[in-house]
C-alpha atoms as a PDB file:
ATOM      1  CA  UNK A   1      83.052  66.879  11.544  1.00  0.00           C
ATOM      2  CA  UNK A   2      79.957  65.993   9.520  1.00  0.00           C
ATOM      3  CA  UNK A   3      80.233  63.071   9.941  1.00  0.00           C
ATOM      4  CA  UNK A   4      80.272  63.040  13.656  1.00  0.00           C
ATOM      5  CA  UNK A   5      77.578  65.146  13.552  1.00  0.00           C
ATOM      6  CA  UNK A   6      75.460  62.719  11.287  1.00  0.00           C
ATOM      7  CA  UNK A   7      76.761  59.779  13.612  1.00  0.00           C
ATOM      8  CA  UNK A   8      75.184  61.192  16.696  1.00  0.00           C
ATOM      9  CA  UNK A   9      71.837  59.627  17.771  1.00  0.00           C
ATOM     10  CA  UNK A  10      69.036  61.468  19.202  1.00  0.00           C
ATOM     11  CA  UNK A  11      67.674  60.631  22.111  1.00  0.00           C
ATOM     12  CA  UNK A  12      64.095  60.410  23.396  1.00  0.00           C
ATOM     13  CA  UNK A  13      62.950  60.403  26.868  1.00  0.00           C
ATOM     14  CA  UNK A  14      59.464  58.276  27.647  1.00  0.00           C
ATOM     15  CA  UNK A  15      58.107  58.919  31.033  1.00  0.00           C
ATOM     16  CA  UNK A  16      55.923  56.020  31.767  1.00  0.00           C
ATOM     17  CA  UNK A  17      52.800  56.580  34.405  1.00  0.00           C
ATOM     18  CA  UNK A  18      51.823  53.001  35.807  1.00  0.00           C
ATOM     19  CA  UNK A  19      49.164  52.902  37.704  1.00  0.00           C
ATOM     20  CA  UNK A  20      48.549  50.352  40.726  1.00  0.00           C
ATOM     21  CA  UNK A  21      45.208  49.184  40.408  1.00  0.00           C
ATOM     22  CA  UNK A  22      44.317  46.017  41.959  1.00  0.00           C
ATOM     23  CA  UNK A  23      43.730  44.191  38.684  1.00  0.00           C
ATOM     24  CA  UNK A  24      47.532  44.189  37.593  1.00  0.00           C
ATOM     25  CA  UNK A  25      46.640  45.577  34.518  1.00  0.00           C
ATOM     26  CA  UNK A  26      49.765  48.195  33.192  1.00  0.00           C
ATOM     27  CA  UNK A  27      48.054  51.197  31.303  1.00  0.00           C
ATOM     28  CA  UNK A  28      51.423  53.195  30.061  1.00  0.00           C
ATOM     29  CA  UNK A  29      50.896  56.664  29.913  1.00  0.00           C
ATOM     30  CA  UNK A  30      53.699  58.070  27.643  1.00  0.00           C
ATOM     31  CA  UNK A  31      54.631  61.579  27.403  1.00  0.00           C
ATOM     32  CA  UNK A  32      56.669  62.939  24.511  1.00  0.00           C
ATOM     33  CA  UNK A  33      59.433  65.408  24.257  1.00  0.00           C
ATOM     34  CA  UNK A  34      57.387  68.343  23.231  1.00  0.00           C
ATOM     35  CA  UNK A  35      54.890  67.489  26.481  1.00  0.00           C
ATOM     36  CA  UNK A  36      57.784  67.649  28.215  1.00  0.00           C
ATOM     37  CA  UNK A  37      59.336  70.879  26.751  1.00  0.00           C
ATOM     38  CA  UNK A  38      56.389  72.422  27.160  1.00  0.00           C
ATOM     39  CA  UNK A  39      55.568  71.346  30.994  1.00  0.00           C
ATOM     40  CA  UNK A  40      59.418  72.334  31.927  1.00  0.00           C
ATOM     41  CA  UNK A  41      58.652  75.768  30.254  1.00  0.00           C
ATOM     42  CA  UNK A  42      55.406  75.886  32.216  1.00  0.00           C
ATOM     43  CA  UNK A  43      57.005  74.814  35.649  1.00  0.00           C
ATOM     44  CA  UNK A  44      59.995  77.387  34.879  1.00  0.00           C
ATOM     45  CA  UNK A  45      57.577  80.411  34.144  1.00  0.00           C
ATOM     46  CA  UNK A  46      55.549  79.545  37.690  1.00  0.00           C
ATOM     47  CA  UNK A  47      59.243  79.224  39.109  1.00  0.00           C
ATOM     48  CA  UNK A  48      59.737  82.856  37.474  1.00  0.00           C
ATOM     49  CA  UNK A  49      56.276  84.293  38.563  1.00  0.00           C
ATOM     50  CA  UNK A  50      57.145  82.903  42.071  1.00  0.00           C
ATOM     51  CA  UNK A  51      60.608  84.271  42.611  1.00  0.00           C
ATOM     52  CA  UNK A  52      59.043  87.314  40.804  1.00  0.00           C
ATOM     53  CA  UNK A  53      56.023  87.736  43.318  1.00  0.00           C
ATOM     54  CA  UNK A  54      58.264  86.786  45.819  1.00  0.00           C
ATOM     55  CA  UNK A  55      60.784  89.494  45.449  1.00  0.00           C
ATOM     56  CA  UNK A  56      58.052  92.280  44.801  1.00  0.00           C
ATOM     57  CA  UNK A  57      56.414  91.158  48.306  1.00  0.00           C
ATOM     58  CA  UNK A  58      59.788  91.483  49.763  1.00  0.00           C
ATOM     59  CA  UNK A  59      60.144  94.890  48.704  1.00  0.00           C
ATOM     60  CA  UNK A  60      56.402  95.687  49.331  1.00  0.00           C
ATOM     61  CA  UNK A  61      56.833  94.561  52.484  1.00  0.00           C
ATOM     62  CA  UNK A  62      60.233  96.717  52.740  1.00  0.00           C
ATOM     63  CA  UNK A  63      58.786  99.466  51.473  1.00  0.00           C
ATOM     64  CA  UNK A  64      55.422  99.267  53.900  1.00  0.00           C
ATOM     65  CA  UNK A  65      57.885  98.880  57.031  1.00  0.00           C
ATOM     66  CA  UNK A  66      60.031 102.129  56.107  1.00  0.00           C
ATOM     67  CA  UNK A  67      56.541 103.690  55.230  1.00  0.00           C
ATOM     68  CA  UNK A  68      55.408 102.816  59.107  1.00  0.00           C
ATOM     69  CA  UNK A  69      58.671 103.339  60.358  1.00  0.00           C
ATOM     70  CA  UNK A  70      58.340 106.590  59.124  1.00  0.00           C
ATOM     71  CA  UNK A  71      55.120 107.453  60.130  1.00  0.00           C
ATOM     72  CA  UNK A  72      56.499 106.513  63.237  1.00  0.00           C
ATOM     73  CA  UNK A  73      58.949 108.773  63.237  1.00  0.00           C
ATOM     74  CA  UNK A  74      56.624 111.441  62.194  1.00  0.00           C
ATOM     75  CA  UNK A  75      54.325 110.539  65.049  1.00  0.00           C
ATOM     76  CA  UNK A  76      56.663 110.506  67.473  1.00  0.00           C
ATOM     77  CA  UNK A  77      57.909 114.063  65.922  1.00  0.00           C
ATOM     78  CA  UNK A  78      54.468 115.443  66.153  1.00  0.00           C
ATOM     79  CA  UNK A  79      53.999 114.063  69.578  1.00  0.00           C
ATOM     80  CA  UNK A  80      57.149 115.773  70.685  1.00  0.00           C
ATOM     81  CA  UNK A  81      56.187 119.044  68.978  1.00  0.00           C
ATOM     82  CA  UNK A  82      52.581 118.512  70.893  1.00  0.00           C
ATOM     83  CA  UNK A  83      54.328 117.861  74.307  1.00  0.00           C
ATOM     84  CA  UNK A  84      56.667 121.293  73.586  1.00  0.00           C
ATOM     85  CA  UNK A  85      53.237 123.101  72.690  1.00  0.00           C
ATOM     86  CA  UNK A  86      51.599 122.077  75.544  1.00  0.00           C
ATOM     87  CA  UNK A  87      54.474 123.216  78.162  1.00  0.00           C
ATOM     88  CA  UNK A  88      55.060 126.519  76.209  1.00  0.00           C
ATOM     89  CA  UNK A  89      51.052 127.272  76.444  1.00  0.00           C
ATOM     90  CA  UNK A  90      51.398 126.230  80.040  1.00  0.00           C
ATOM     91  CA  UNK A  91      54.327 128.363  80.575  1.00  0.00           C
ATOM     92  CA  UNK A  92      52.128 131.250  78.821  1.00  0.00           C
ATOM     93  CA  UNK A  93      48.926 130.667  80.509  1.00  0.00           C
ATOM     94  CA  UNK A  94      51.112 131.204  83.734  1.00  0.00           C
ATOM     95  CA  UNK A  95      52.532 134.344  82.487  1.00  0.00           C
ATOM     96  CA  UNK A  96      48.914 135.347  81.523  1.00  0.00           C
ATOM     97  CA  UNK A  97      47.922 134.798  85.013  1.00  0.00           C
ATOM     98  CA  UNK A  98      50.744 136.523  86.857  1.00  0.00           C
ATOM     99  CA  UNK A  99      50.371 139.684  84.438  1.00  0.00           C
ATOM    100  CA  UNK A 100      46.389 139.515  85.339  1.00  0.00           C
ATOM    101  CA  UNK A 101      47.044 139.103  88.801  1.00  0.00           C
ATOM    102  CA  UNK A 102      49.634 141.696  88.408  1.00  0.00           C
ATOM    103  CA  UNK A 103      47.136 144.327  86.720  1.00  0.00           C
ATOM    104  CA  UNK A 104      44.458 143.400  88.806  1.00  0.00           C
ATOM    105  CA  UNK A 105      46.523 144.109  92.064  1.00  0.00           C
ATOM    106  CA  UNK A 106      47.994 147.369  90.497  1.00  0.00           C
ATOM    107  CA  UNK A 107      44.593 148.477  89.557  1.00  0.00           C
ATOM    108  CA  UNK A 108      43.609 147.636  93.102  1.00  0.00           C
ATOM    109  CA  UNK A 109      46.066 149.871  94.484  1.00  0.00           C
ATOM    110  CA  UNK A 110      45.576 152.348  92.031  1.00  0.00           C
ATOM    111  CA  UNK A 111      41.935 152.789  93.018  1.00  0.00           C
ATOM    112  CA  UNK A 112      42.641 152.509  96.987  1.00  0.00           C
ATOM    113  CA  UNK A 113      45.237 155.438  96.318  1.00  0.00           C
ATOM    114  CA  UNK A 114      42.590 157.314  94.233  1.00  0.00           C
ATOM    115  CA  UNK A 115      40.009 156.800  97.255  1.00  0.00           C
ATOM    116  CA  UNK A 116      42.379 157.702  99.821  1.00  0.00           C
ATOM    117  CA  UNK A 117      43.206 161.015  97.825  1.00  0.00           C
ATOM    118  CA  UNK A 118      39.507 161.711  97.809  1.00  0.00           C
ATOM    119  CA  UNK A 119      39.254 161.158 101.077  1.00  0.00           C
ATOM    120  CA  UNK A 120      42.026 163.554 101.880  1.00  0.00           C
ATOM    121  CA  UNK A 121      39.480 166.144 100.270  1.00  0.00           C
ATOM    122  CA  UNK A 122      36.735 165.262 102.596  1.00  0.00           C
ATOM    123  CA  UNK A 123      37.043 167.055 105.934  1.00  0.00           C
ATOM    124  CA  UNK A 124      36.389 164.424 108.001  1.00  0.00           C
ATOM    125  CA  UNK A 125      39.489 164.806 110.406  1.00  0.00           C
ATOM    126  CA  UNK A 126      39.251 166.609 113.733  1.00  0.00           C
ATOM    127  CA  UNK A 127      40.672 170.042 113.646  1.00  0.00           C
ATOM    128  CA  UNK A 128      42.981 169.834 116.612  1.00  0.00           C
ATOM    129  CA  UNK A 129      46.488 168.256 116.963  1.00  0.00           C
ATOM    130  CA  UNK A 130      46.047 167.215 120.263  1.00  0.00           C
ATOM    131  CA  UNK A 131      43.238 166.838 123.062  1.00  0.00           C
ATOM    132  CA  UNK A 132      40.176 169.113 122.965  1.00  0.00           C
ATOM    133  CA  UNK A 133      36.839 169.260 124.734  1.00  0.00           C
ATOM    134  CA  UNK A 134      33.674 169.860 122.817  1.00  0.00           C
ATOM    135  CA  UNK A 135      31.925 172.850 124.934  1.00  0.00           C
ATOM    136  CA  UNK A 136      29.097 173.462 122.488  1.00  0.00           C
ATOM    137  CA  UNK A 137      27.521 170.832 119.745  1.00  0.00           C
ATOM    138  CA  UNK A 138      24.294 169.693 118.557  1.00  0.00           C
ATOM    139  CA  UNK A 139      24.459 167.001 120.915  1.00  0.00           C
ATOM    140  CA  UNK A 140      25.077 169.485 123.505  1.00  0.00           C
ATOM    141  CA  UNK A 141      22.312 171.766 122.718  1.00  0.00           C
ATOM    142  CA  UNK A 142      19.838 169.112 122.441  1.00  0.00           C
ATOM    143  CA  UNK A 143      20.830 167.610 126.504  1.00  0.00           C
ATOM    144  CA  UNK A 144      20.883 171.361 127.280  1.00  0.00           C
ATOM    145  CA  UNK A 145      17.836 172.125 129.837  1.00  0.00           C
ATOM    146  CA  UNK A 146      14.692 174.017 128.654  1.00  0.00           C
ATOM    147  CA  UNK A 147      14.927 176.509 131.504  1.00  0.00           C
ATOM    148  CA  UNK A 148      18.838 177.166 130.442  1.00  0.00           C
ATOM    149  CA  UNK A 149      17.350 177.961 126.836  1.00  0.00           C
ATOM    150  CA  UNK A 150      15.093 180.495 128.368  1.00  0.00           C
ATOM    151  CA  UNK A 151      17.325 182.306 130.428  1.00  0.00           C
ATOM    152  CA  UNK A 152      19.631 182.457 127.298  1.00  0.00           C
ATOM    153  CA  UNK A 153      16.703 183.852 125.277  1.00  0.00           C
ATOM    154  CA  UNK A 154      16.345 186.569 127.374  1.00  0.00           C
ATOM    155  CA  UNK A 155      19.787 187.493 127.733  1.00  0.00           C
ATOM    156  CA  UNK A 156      19.664 188.076 124.375  1.00  0.00           C
ATOM    157  CA  UNK A 157      16.503 190.070 124.344  1.00  0.00           C
ATOM    158  CA  UNK A 158      18.329 192.319 126.716  1.00  0.00           C
ATOM    159  CA  UNK A 159      21.568 192.520 124.894  1.00  0.00           C
ATOM    160  CA  UNK A 160      20.032 194.026 121.669  1.00  0.00           C
ATOM    161  CA  UNK A 161      22.103 194.623 118.548  1.00  0.00           C
ATOM    162  CA  UNK A 162      25.408 192.413 120.429  1.00  0.00           C
ATOM    163  CA  UNK A 163      23.157 189.490 120.999  1.00  0.00           C
ATOM    164  CA  UNK A 164      22.333 189.123 117.412  1.00  0.00           C
ATOM    165  CA  UNK A 165      25.970 189.587 116.411  1.00  0.00           C
ATOM    166  CA  UNK A 166      26.712 186.478 118.807  1.00  0.00           C
ATOM    167  CA  UNK A 167      23.977 184.277 117.646  1.00  0.00           C
ATOM    168  CA  UNK A 168      24.315 180.827 116.162  1.00  0.00           C
ATOM    169  CA  UNK A 169      21.954 179.774 113.973  1.00  0.00           C
ATOM    170  CA  UNK A 170      24.360 177.255 111.984  1.00  0.00           C
ATOM    171  CA  UNK A 171      25.509 174.138 112.993  1.00  0.00           C
ATOM    172  CA  UNK A 172      28.784 174.276 114.630  1.00  0.00           C
ATOM    173  CA  UNK A 173      31.040 173.050 117.298  1.00  0.00           C
ATOM    174  CA  UNK A 174      32.855 174.655 119.867  1.00  0.00           C
ATOM    175  CA  UNK A 175      36.065 173.399 121.293  1.00  0.00           C
ATOM    176  CA  UNK A 176      38.345 174.075 124.302  1.00  0.00           C
ATOM    177  CA  UNK A 177      41.604 173.153 123.981  1.00  0.00           C
ATOM    178  CA  UNK A 178      45.132 173.721 126.485  1.00  0.00           C
ATOM    179  CA  UNK A 179      47.472 176.390 125.259  1.00  0.00           C
ATOM    180  CA  UNK A 180      49.870 175.375 122.123  1.00  0.00           C
ATOM    181  CA  UNK A 181      47.289 172.773 121.068  1.00  0.00           C
ATOM    182  CA  UNK A 182      47.439 173.691 116.995  1.00  0.00           C
ATOM    183  CA  UNK A 183      44.126 174.181 114.777  1.00  0.00           C
ATOM    184  CA  UNK A 184      44.706 172.280 112.078  1.00  0.00           C
ATOM    185  CA  UNK A 185      43.011 171.414 108.217  1.00  0.00           C
ATOM    186  CA  UNK A 186      41.039 168.735 108.221  1.00  0.00           C
ATOM    187  CA  UNK A 187      41.076 167.932 104.712  1.00  0.00           C
ATOM    188  CA  UNK A 188      43.530 169.009 101.552  1.00  0.00           C
ATOM    189  CA  UNK A 189      42.206 172.084  99.597  1.00  0.00           C
ATOM    190  CA  UNK A 190      42.913 176.164  99.115  1.00  0.00           C
ATOM    191  CA  UNK A 191      42.626 178.994 101.597  1.00  0.00           C
ATOM    192  CA  UNK A 192      39.425 181.061  99.833  1.00  0.00           C
ATOM    193  CA  UNK A 193      39.346 183.287 103.172  1.00  0.00           C
ATOM    194  CA  UNK A 194      41.260 185.156 105.825  1.00  0.00           C
ATOM    195  CA  UNK A 195      39.143 187.467 107.745  1.00  0.00           C
ATOM    196  CA  UNK A 196      37.881 189.028 111.071  1.00  0.00           C
ATOM    197  CA  UNK A 197      35.277 187.249 112.588  1.00  0.00           C
ATOM    198  CA  UNK A 198      33.071 189.554 115.192  1.00  0.00           C
ATOM    199  CA  UNK A 199      32.740 186.491 117.280  1.00  0.00           C
ATOM    200  CA  UNK A 200      36.177 184.676 117.850  1.00  0.00           C
ATOM    201  CA  UNK A 201      38.639 187.082 116.311  1.00  0.00           C
ATOM    202  CA  UNK A 202      39.757 185.367 113.473  1.00  0.00           C
ATOM    203  CA  UNK A 203      38.063 183.257 110.385  1.00  0.00           C
ATOM    204  CA  UNK A 204      40.040 180.749 108.202  1.00  0.00           C
ATOM    205  CA  UNK A 205      37.770 179.306 105.166  1.00  0.00           C
ATOM    206  CA  UNK A 206      39.084 176.197 103.387  1.00  0.00           C
ATOM    207  CA  UNK A 207      37.455 175.188 100.072  1.00  0.00           C
ATOM    208  CA  UNK A 208      38.103 171.406  99.173  1.00  0.00           C
ATOM    209  CA  UNK A 209      37.312 169.825  95.380  1.00  0.00           C
ATOM    210  CA  UNK A 210      34.837 167.489  97.007  1.00  0.00           C
ATOM    211  CA  UNK A 211      32.473 170.055  97.160  1.00  0.00           C
ATOM    212  CA  UNK A 212      33.058 170.797 100.569  1.00  0.00           C
ATOM    213  CA  UNK A 213      34.082 173.641 102.703  1.00  0.00           C
ATOM    214  CA  UNK A 214      35.351 173.804 106.259  1.00  0.00           C
ATOM    215  CA  UNK A 215      35.371 177.358 108.533  1.00  0.00           C
ATOM    216  CA  UNK A 216      37.398 177.719 111.344  1.00  0.00           C
ATOM    217  CA  UNK A 217      37.058 180.403 113.962  1.00  0.00           C
ATOM    218  CA  UNK A 218      39.208 181.721 117.061  1.00  0.00           C
ATOM    219  CA  UNK A 219      41.348 184.011 118.498  1.00  0.00           C
ATOM    220  CA  UNK A 220      44.907 183.392 117.684  1.00  0.00           C
ATOM    221  CA  UNK A 221      46.271 185.072 114.488  1.00  0.00           C
ATOM    222  CA  UNK A 222      46.152 183.206 111.044  1.00  0.00           C
ATOM    223  CA  UNK A 223      48.923 180.842 110.225  1.00  0.00           C
ATOM    224  CA  UNK A 224      48.149 180.718 106.630  1.00  0.00           C
ATOM    225  CA  UNK A 225      47.575 183.554 103.830  1.00  0.00           C
ATOM    226  CA  UNK A 226      44.513 183.958 101.210  1.00  0.00           C
ATOM    227  CA  UNK A 227      45.046 181.397  98.215  1.00  0.00           C
ATOM    228  CA  UNK A 228      47.404 179.416 100.052  1.00  0.00           C
ATOM    229  CA  UNK A 229      47.339 175.214  98.738  1.00  0.00           C
ATOM    230  CA  UNK A 230      47.349 173.088 101.861  1.00  0.00           C
ATOM    231  CA  UNK A 231      47.147 169.381 102.996  1.00  0.00           C
ATOM    232  CA  UNK A 232      45.163 168.103 105.762  1.00  0.00           C
ATOM    233  CA  UNK A 233      46.903 168.615 108.700  1.00  0.00           C
ATOM    234  CA  UNK A 234      48.492 171.750 108.073  1.00  0.00           C
ATOM    235  CA  UNK A 235      48.550 174.001 110.922  1.00  0.00           C
ATOM    236  CA  UNK A 236      45.810 177.300 110.369  1.00  0.00           C
ATOM    237  CA  UNK A 237      45.923 178.367 114.393  1.00  0.00           C
ATOM    238  CA  UNK A 238      47.531 177.981 117.778  1.00  0.00           C
ATOM    239  CA  UNK A 239      45.607 178.233 120.985  1.00  0.00           C
ATOM    240  CA  UNK A 240      47.485 180.980 123.206  1.00  0.00           C
ATOM    241  CA  UNK A 241      45.005 181.455 126.168  1.00  0.00           C
ATOM    242  CA  UNK A 242      43.244 178.848 128.404  1.00  0.00           C
ATOM    243  CA  UNK A 243      39.487 180.106 127.493  1.00  0.00           C
ATOM    244  CA  UNK A 244      40.425 180.249 123.803  1.00  0.00           C
ATOM    245  CA  UNK A 245      37.757 178.615 122.043  1.00  0.00           C
ATOM    246  CA  UNK A 246      37.536 177.306 118.307  1.00  0.00           C
ATOM    247  CA  UNK A 247      34.419 177.145 116.323  1.00  0.00           C
ATOM    248  CA  UNK A 248      34.380 175.084 113.472  1.00  0.00           C
ATOM    249  CA  UNK A 249      31.560 174.633 110.664  1.00  0.00           C
ATOM    250  CA  UNK A 250      31.408 172.397 107.352  1.00  0.00           C
ATOM    251  CA  UNK A 251      29.423 173.658 104.493  1.00  0.00           C
ATOM    252  CA  UNK A 252      28.494 171.023 101.620  1.00  0.00           C
ATOM    253  CA  UNK A 253      27.375 172.456  98.611  1.00  0.00           C
ATOM    254  CA  UNK A 254      27.029 176.395 100.334  1.00  0.00           C
ATOM    255  CA  UNK A 255      24.853 174.573 102.604  1.00  0.00           C
ATOM    256  CA  UNK A 256      25.962 174.024 106.467  1.00  0.00           C
ATOM    257  CA  UNK A 257      26.042 170.563 107.806  1.00  0.00           C
ATOM    258  CA  UNK A 258      26.637 169.288 111.565  1.00  0.00           C
ATOM    259  CA  UNK A 259      30.122 168.667 111.802  1.00  0.00           C
ATOM    260  CA  UNK A 260      29.476 165.867 114.148  1.00  0.00           C
ATOM    261  CA  UNK A 261      28.253 163.776 111.371  1.00  0.00           C
ATOM    262  CA  UNK A 262      31.663 164.151 109.370  1.00  0.00           C
ATOM    263  CA  UNK A 263      34.133 164.788 112.416  1.00  0.00           C
ATOM    264  CA  UNK A 264      36.381 161.723 113.274  1.00  0.00           C
ATOM    265  CA  UNK A 265      36.641 161.861 117.050  1.00  0.00           C
ATOM    266  CA  UNK A 266      40.535 161.061 117.323  1.00  0.00           C
ATOM    267  CA  UNK A 267      43.249 163.812 119.095  1.00  0.00           C
END
């Protein structure tokens, strides 16, 4: 075996590079085996580096694509969440608007109800539950002829003390109505007086929480008692005779005012 190893010949390869210059001279360039080995090693190293670089770039590209896809998913997820939040916000705004409208409507209803309740405490109604005729008021006194006033004054001077009793200096509305017509309260309140009246027969006084007091004078028997809590429209008297009259007065903070300024003309 050793002889075979010694018999082997070593082969050397020579690479000749021939120039193609026009003078036809040949200038051989010989590369020895060592150079070829080194050159091959360098080429191999370059190829390895190239392959590694390609693999690295491929891996980096894959990671970049994965990262981009992940970002796109996150963007899509955030977009979907934003749409959901926007829809939820819109729904909440609609609920808030509805709730606000409901509250405003409730407040308006409560204010209207409170105003209506306050209005029921003001004696602005007509004191009869039917048709009546105004016999005497501030308006009729304005239109009364001077001669009638003088005649009335002369008659009062002749009657003496009885005239003083019948004289009305405070504003009053005197009305007549058919028998059976009801005299009614013009506002909610409490009956604070039921007594005899020297001019009309009986007198009912109702005090209202609004600071007003309404007074009703007529000949019929009262149908309420002292201390009764009554509502607007409650019956106080009933007309019994064709010649019967109702004297109606209003006071505000203990001062008489013209009832025509408060009275709603209906009935």
